[in-house]
Amino acid sequence: MPAATDPRVPGDATGSSYDDQLIAGLADERPEVAEICAWVLGQRRVARAVGPLCELVQRRPRDIAVCAAAVEALAQIGDPSAVPALLWVLEEGYAGVRRAAVRALARLDAETARAVLARVAAEDPAAGVRELAVRLLDTLRREDRSG
């Protein structure tokens, strides 16, 4: 099987029909299809999926599993251009999705994460999200001291 269509090979900027189908699957009305497509795009680290994944979290905020998978995929892909969508999730998303966004933000942009995590740790309405923000903020501070 050529690398461009082999699902075991990470996606690339040139893209493949497999990646195109996964990106198209993000628009599927069936939540389980969109969720799986988001997960696979993250596993394959398909950089050109960042825009569609960011759009997905804002278009379907009530589909918690879909949004959490999209946020986790953004973290896997590792493109800092996803930060504005993650900040939106922290304001508008459900608690489970906000937890995923806090983890993703800490992974993608430590500098922005420090200020945001401090605010989330103090103000988020969900105790689990606040606790996670405190733990991640502590981790970032330890890394600052050791690095």
C-alpha atoms as a PDB file:
ATOM      1  CA  MET A   1       0.000   0.000   0.000  1.00  0.00           C
ATOM      2  CA  PRO A   2       1.495   3.419  -0.889  1.00  0.00           C
ATOM      3  CA  ALA A   3       2.370   5.619   2.080  1.00  0.00           C
ATOM      4  CA  ALA A   4      -0.113   8.339   1.047  1.00  0.00           C
ATOM      5  CA  THR A   5      -3.070   5.985   1.566  1.00  0.00           C
ATOM      6  CA  ASP A   6      -1.679   3.789   4.341  1.00  0.00           C
ATOM      7  CA  PRO A   7      -3.636   4.631   7.521  1.00  0.00           C
ATOM      8  CA  ARG A   8      -0.614   3.600   9.621  1.00  0.00           C
ATOM      9  CA  VAL A   9       1.519   6.416   8.215  1.00  0.00           C
ATOM     10  CA  PRO A  10       1.102   9.879   9.804  1.00  0.00           C
ATOM     11  CA  GLY A  11      -0.678  12.392   7.578  1.00  0.00           C
ATOM     12  CA  ASP A  12       1.326  14.959   5.701  1.00  0.00           C
ATOM     13  CA  ALA A  13       0.759  18.401   4.249  1.00  0.00           C
ATOM     14  CA  THR A  14       0.189  17.001   0.756  1.00  0.00           C
ATOM     15  CA  GLY A  15      -2.684  14.964   2.110  1.00  0.00           C
ATOM     16  CA  SER A  16      -4.265  11.748   1.030  1.00  0.00           C
ATOM     17  CA  SER A  17      -7.698  10.638   0.081  1.00  0.00           C
ATOM     18  CA  TYR A  18      -7.858   8.832   3.444  1.00  0.00           C
ATOM     19  CA  ASP A  19      -7.176  12.091   5.292  1.00  0.00           C
ATOM     20  CA  ASP A  20      -9.716  13.880   3.074  1.00  0.00           C
ATOM     21  CA  GLN A  21     -12.344  11.303   4.003  1.00  0.00           C
ATOM     22  CA  LEU A  22     -11.549  11.703   7.696  1.00  0.00           C
ATOM     23  CA  ILE A  23     -11.831  15.491   7.457  1.00  0.00           C
ATOM     24  CA  ALA A  24     -15.137  15.142   5.604  1.00  0.00           C
ATOM     25  CA  GLY A  25     -16.296  12.754   8.337  1.00  0.00           C
ATOM     26  CA  LEU A  26     -16.032  15.558  10.892  1.00  0.00           C
ATOM     27  CA  ALA A  27     -19.199  17.019   9.354  1.00  0.00           C
ATOM     28  CA  ASP A  28     -21.144  13.752   9.694  1.00  0.00           C
ATOM     29  CA  GLU A  29     -24.302  14.254  11.754  1.00  0.00           C
ATOM     30  CA  ARG A  30     -23.727  10.949  13.567  1.00  0.00           C
ATOM     31  CA  PRO A  31     -21.662  11.864  16.633  1.00  0.00           C
ATOM     32  CA  GLU A  32     -19.858   8.533  16.717  1.00  0.00           C
ATOM     33  CA  VAL A  33     -18.572   9.047  13.149  1.00  0.00           C
ATOM     34  CA  ALA A  34     -17.346  12.592  13.807  1.00  0.00           C
ATOM     35  CA  GLU A  35     -15.729  11.472  17.072  1.00  0.00           C
ATOM     36  CA  ILE A  36     -13.834   8.605  15.451  1.00  0.00           C
ATOM     37  CA  CYS A  37     -12.706  10.801  12.562  1.00  0.00           C
ATOM     38  CA  ALA A  38     -11.390  13.410  15.006  1.00  0.00           C
ATOM     39  CA  TRP A  39      -9.552  10.763  16.997  1.00  0.00           C
ATOM     40  CA  VAL A  40      -7.914   9.238  13.914  1.00  0.00           C
ATOM     41  CA  LEU A  41      -6.916  12.659  12.567  1.00  0.00           C
ATOM     42  CA  GLY A  42      -5.194  13.340  15.871  1.00  0.00           C
ATOM     43  CA  GLN A  43      -3.442   9.983  15.870  1.00  0.00           C
ATOM     44  CA  ARG A  44      -2.232  10.620  12.322  1.00  0.00           C
ATOM     45  CA  ARG A  45      -1.278  14.223  13.225  1.00  0.00           C
ATOM     46  CA  VAL A  46      -2.920  15.621  10.108  1.00  0.00           C
ATOM     47  CA  ALA A  47      -1.907  19.286  10.200  1.00  0.00           C
ATOM     48  CA  ARG A  48      -4.460  20.405   7.625  1.00  0.00           C
ATOM     49  CA  ALA A  49      -7.240  19.105   9.900  1.00  0.00           C
ATOM     50  CA  VAL A  50      -6.586  21.844  12.491  1.00  0.00           C
ATOM     51  CA  GLY A  51      -9.013  24.331  10.902  1.00  0.00           C
ATOM     52  CA  PRO A  52     -11.851  21.816  10.506  1.00  0.00           C
ATOM     53  CA  LEU A  53     -11.299  20.526  14.063  1.00  0.00           C
ATOM     54  CA  CYS A  54     -11.413  24.075  15.445  1.00  0.00           C
ATOM     55  CA  GLU A  55     -14.625  24.720  13.518  1.00  0.00           C
ATOM     56  CA  LEU A  56     -16.089  21.458  14.805  1.00  0.00           C
ATOM     57  CA  VAL A  57     -15.785  22.385  18.485  1.00  0.00           C
ATOM     58  CA  GLN A  58     -17.598  25.657  17.867  1.00  0.00           C
ATOM     59  CA  ARG A  59     -20.215  24.181  15.547  1.00  0.00           C
ATOM     60  CA  ARG A  60     -21.177  21.250  17.810  1.00  0.00           C
ATOM     61  CA  PRO A  61     -20.566  22.353  21.405  1.00  0.00           C
ATOM     62  CA  ARG A  62     -23.304  20.092  22.785  1.00  0.00           C
ATOM     63  CA  ASP A  63     -21.715  16.920  21.368  1.00  0.00           C
ATOM     64  CA  ILE A  64     -19.421  16.413  24.338  1.00  0.00           C
ATOM     65  CA  ALA A  65     -17.625  13.278  23.124  1.00  0.00           C
ATOM     66  CA  VAL A  66     -17.128  14.787  19.660  1.00  0.00           C
ATOM     67  CA  CYS A  67     -15.722  18.032  21.078  1.00  0.00           C
ATOM     68  CA  ALA A  68     -13.458  16.229  23.540  1.00  0.00           C
ATOM     69  CA  ALA A  69     -12.092  14.066  20.710  1.00  0.00           C
ATOM     70  CA  ALA A  70     -11.540  17.155  18.553  1.00  0.00           C
ATOM     71  CA  VAL A  71      -9.725  18.985  21.351  1.00  0.00           C
ATOM     72  CA  GLU A  72      -7.546  15.952  22.057  1.00  0.00           C
ATOM     73  CA  ALA A  73      -6.795  15.680  18.331  1.00  0.00           C
ATOM     74  CA  LEU A  74      -5.699  19.318  18.293  1.00  0.00           C
ATOM     75  CA  ALA A  75      -3.308  18.566  21.149  1.00  0.00           C
ATOM     76  CA  GLN A  76      -1.935  15.537  19.284  1.00  0.00           C
ATOM     77  CA  ILE A  77      -1.393  17.535  16.111  1.00  0.00           C
ATOM     78  CA  GLY A  78       0.403  20.198  18.116  1.00  0.00           C
ATOM     79  CA  ASP A  79      -0.329  23.281  16.023  1.00  0.00           C
ATOM     80  CA  PRO A  80      -0.430  26.491  18.123  1.00  0.00           C
ATOM     81  CA  SER A  81      -2.968  27.990  15.716  1.00  0.00           C
ATOM     82  CA  ALA A  82      -5.542  25.908  17.652  1.00  0.00           C
ATOM     83  CA  VAL A  83      -5.081  28.042  20.791  1.00  0.00           C
ATOM     84  CA  PRO A  84      -7.962  30.476  20.025  1.00  0.00           C
ATOM     85  CA  ALA A  85     -10.392  27.553  19.665  1.00  0.00           C
ATOM     86  CA  LEU A  86      -9.145  26.089  22.955  1.00  0.00           C
ATOM     87  CA  LEU A  87      -9.674  29.434  24.679  1.00  0.00           C
ATOM     88  CA  TRP A  88     -13.214  29.503  23.269  1.00  0.00           C
ATOM     89  CA  VAL A  89     -13.830  26.005  24.687  1.00  0.00           C
ATOM     90  CA  LEU A  90     -12.650  27.172  28.115  1.00  0.00           C
ATOM     91  CA  GLU A  91     -15.350  29.859  28.018  1.00  0.00           C
ATOM     92  CA  GLU A  92     -18.180  27.968  26.322  1.00  0.00           C
ATOM     93  CA  GLY A  93     -17.586  24.226  26.591  1.00  0.00           C
ATOM     94  CA  TYR A  94     -18.900  21.606  28.976  1.00  0.00           C
ATOM     95  CA  ALA A  95     -16.666  20.547  31.880  1.00  0.00           C
ATOM     96  CA  GLY A  96     -15.319  17.386  30.219  1.00  0.00           C
ATOM     97  CA  VAL A  97     -14.360  19.330  27.128  1.00  0.00           C
ATOM     98  CA  ARG A  98     -12.848  22.123  29.238  1.00  0.00           C
ATOM     99  CA  ARG A  99     -10.655  19.517  30.969  1.00  0.00           C
ATOM    100  CA  ALA A 100      -9.420  18.341  27.567  1.00  0.00           C
ATOM    101  CA  ALA A 101      -8.837  21.969  26.527  1.00  0.00           C
ATOM    102  CA  VAL A 102      -6.786  22.699  29.653  1.00  0.00           C
ATOM    103  CA  ARG A 103      -4.539  19.691  28.902  1.00  0.00           C
ATOM    104  CA  ALA A 104      -4.251  20.672  25.240  1.00  0.00           C
ATOM    105  CA  LEU A 105      -3.409  24.282  26.016  1.00  0.00           C
ATOM    106  CA  ALA A 106      -0.656  23.286  28.442  1.00  0.00           C
ATOM    107  CA  ARG A 107       0.794  21.060  25.740  1.00  0.00           C
ATOM    108  CA  LEU A 108       0.532  23.532  22.846  1.00  0.00           C
ATOM    109  CA  ASP A 109       1.473  26.886  24.349  1.00  0.00           C
ATOM    110  CA  ALA A 110       3.005  26.856  27.825  1.00  0.00           C
ATOM    111  CA  GLU A 111       3.394  30.637  27.917  1.00  0.00           C
ATOM    112  CA  THR A 112      -0.295  31.318  27.234  1.00  0.00           C
ATOM    113  CA  ALA A 113      -1.255  28.376  29.417  1.00  0.00           C
ATOM    114  CA  ARG A 114       0.323  29.862  32.555  1.00  0.00           C
ATOM    115  CA  ALA A 115      -1.992  32.875  32.634  1.00  0.00           C
ATOM    116  CA  VAL A 116      -5.047  30.966  31.460  1.00  0.00           C
ATOM    117  CA  LEU A 117      -4.518  28.082  33.892  1.00  0.00           C
ATOM    118  CA  ALA A 118      -4.221  30.519  36.789  1.00  0.00           C
ATOM    119  CA  ARG A 119      -7.584  32.039  35.831  1.00  0.00           C
ATOM    120  CA  VAL A 120      -9.203  28.633  35.279  1.00  0.00           C
ATOM    121  CA  ALA A 121      -7.839  27.368  38.624  1.00  0.00           C
ATOM    122  CA  ALA A 122      -9.500  30.296  40.380  1.00  0.00           C
ATOM    123  CA  GLU A 123     -12.714  30.752  38.417  1.00  0.00           C
ATOM    124  CA  ASP A 124     -13.904  27.632  36.575  1.00  0.00           C
ATOM    125  CA  PRO A 125     -17.290  26.499  37.892  1.00  0.00           C
ATOM    126  CA  ALA A 126     -16.276  22.808  37.861  1.00  0.00           C
ATOM    127  CA  ALA A 127     -14.038  21.554  40.663  1.00  0.00           C
ATOM    128  CA  GLY A 128     -12.457  18.904  38.413  1.00  0.00           C
ATOM    129  CA  VAL A 129     -11.416  21.507  35.869  1.00  0.00           C
ATOM    130  CA  ARG A 130     -10.021  23.784  38.606  1.00  0.00           C
ATOM    131  CA  GLU A 131      -8.049  20.909  40.151  1.00  0.00           C
ATOM    132  CA  LEU A 132      -6.598  19.880  36.791  1.00  0.00           C
ATOM    133  CA  ALA A 133      -5.599  23.486  36.064  1.00  0.00           C
ATOM    134  CA  VAL A 134      -3.779  23.670  39.432  1.00  0.00           C
ATOM    135  CA  ARG A 135      -1.904  20.404  38.731  1.00  0.00           C
ATOM    136  CA  LEU A 136      -0.895  21.490  35.224  1.00  0.00           C
ATOM    137  CA  LEU A 137       0.166  24.923  36.448  1.00  0.00           C
ATOM    138  CA  ASP A 138       2.344  23.279  39.098  1.00  0.00           C
ATOM    139  CA  THR A 139       3.872  21.044  36.427  1.00  0.00           C
ATOM    140  CA  LEU A 140       4.652  24.033  34.209  1.00  0.00           C
ATOM    141  CA  ARG A 141       6.247  25.869  37.136  1.00  0.00           C
ATOM    142  CA  ARG A 142       8.411  22.846  38.010  1.00  0.00           C
ATOM    143  CA  GLU A 143       9.517  22.603  34.378  1.00  0.00           C
ATOM    144  CA  ASP A 144      10.411  26.315  34.435  1.00  0.00           C
ATOM    145  CA  ARG A 145      12.612  25.819  37.502  1.00  0.00           C
ATOM    146  CA  SER A 146      14.332  22.699  36.153  1.00  0.00           C
ATOM    147  CA  GLY A 147      14.703  23.852  32.553  1.00  0.00           C
END
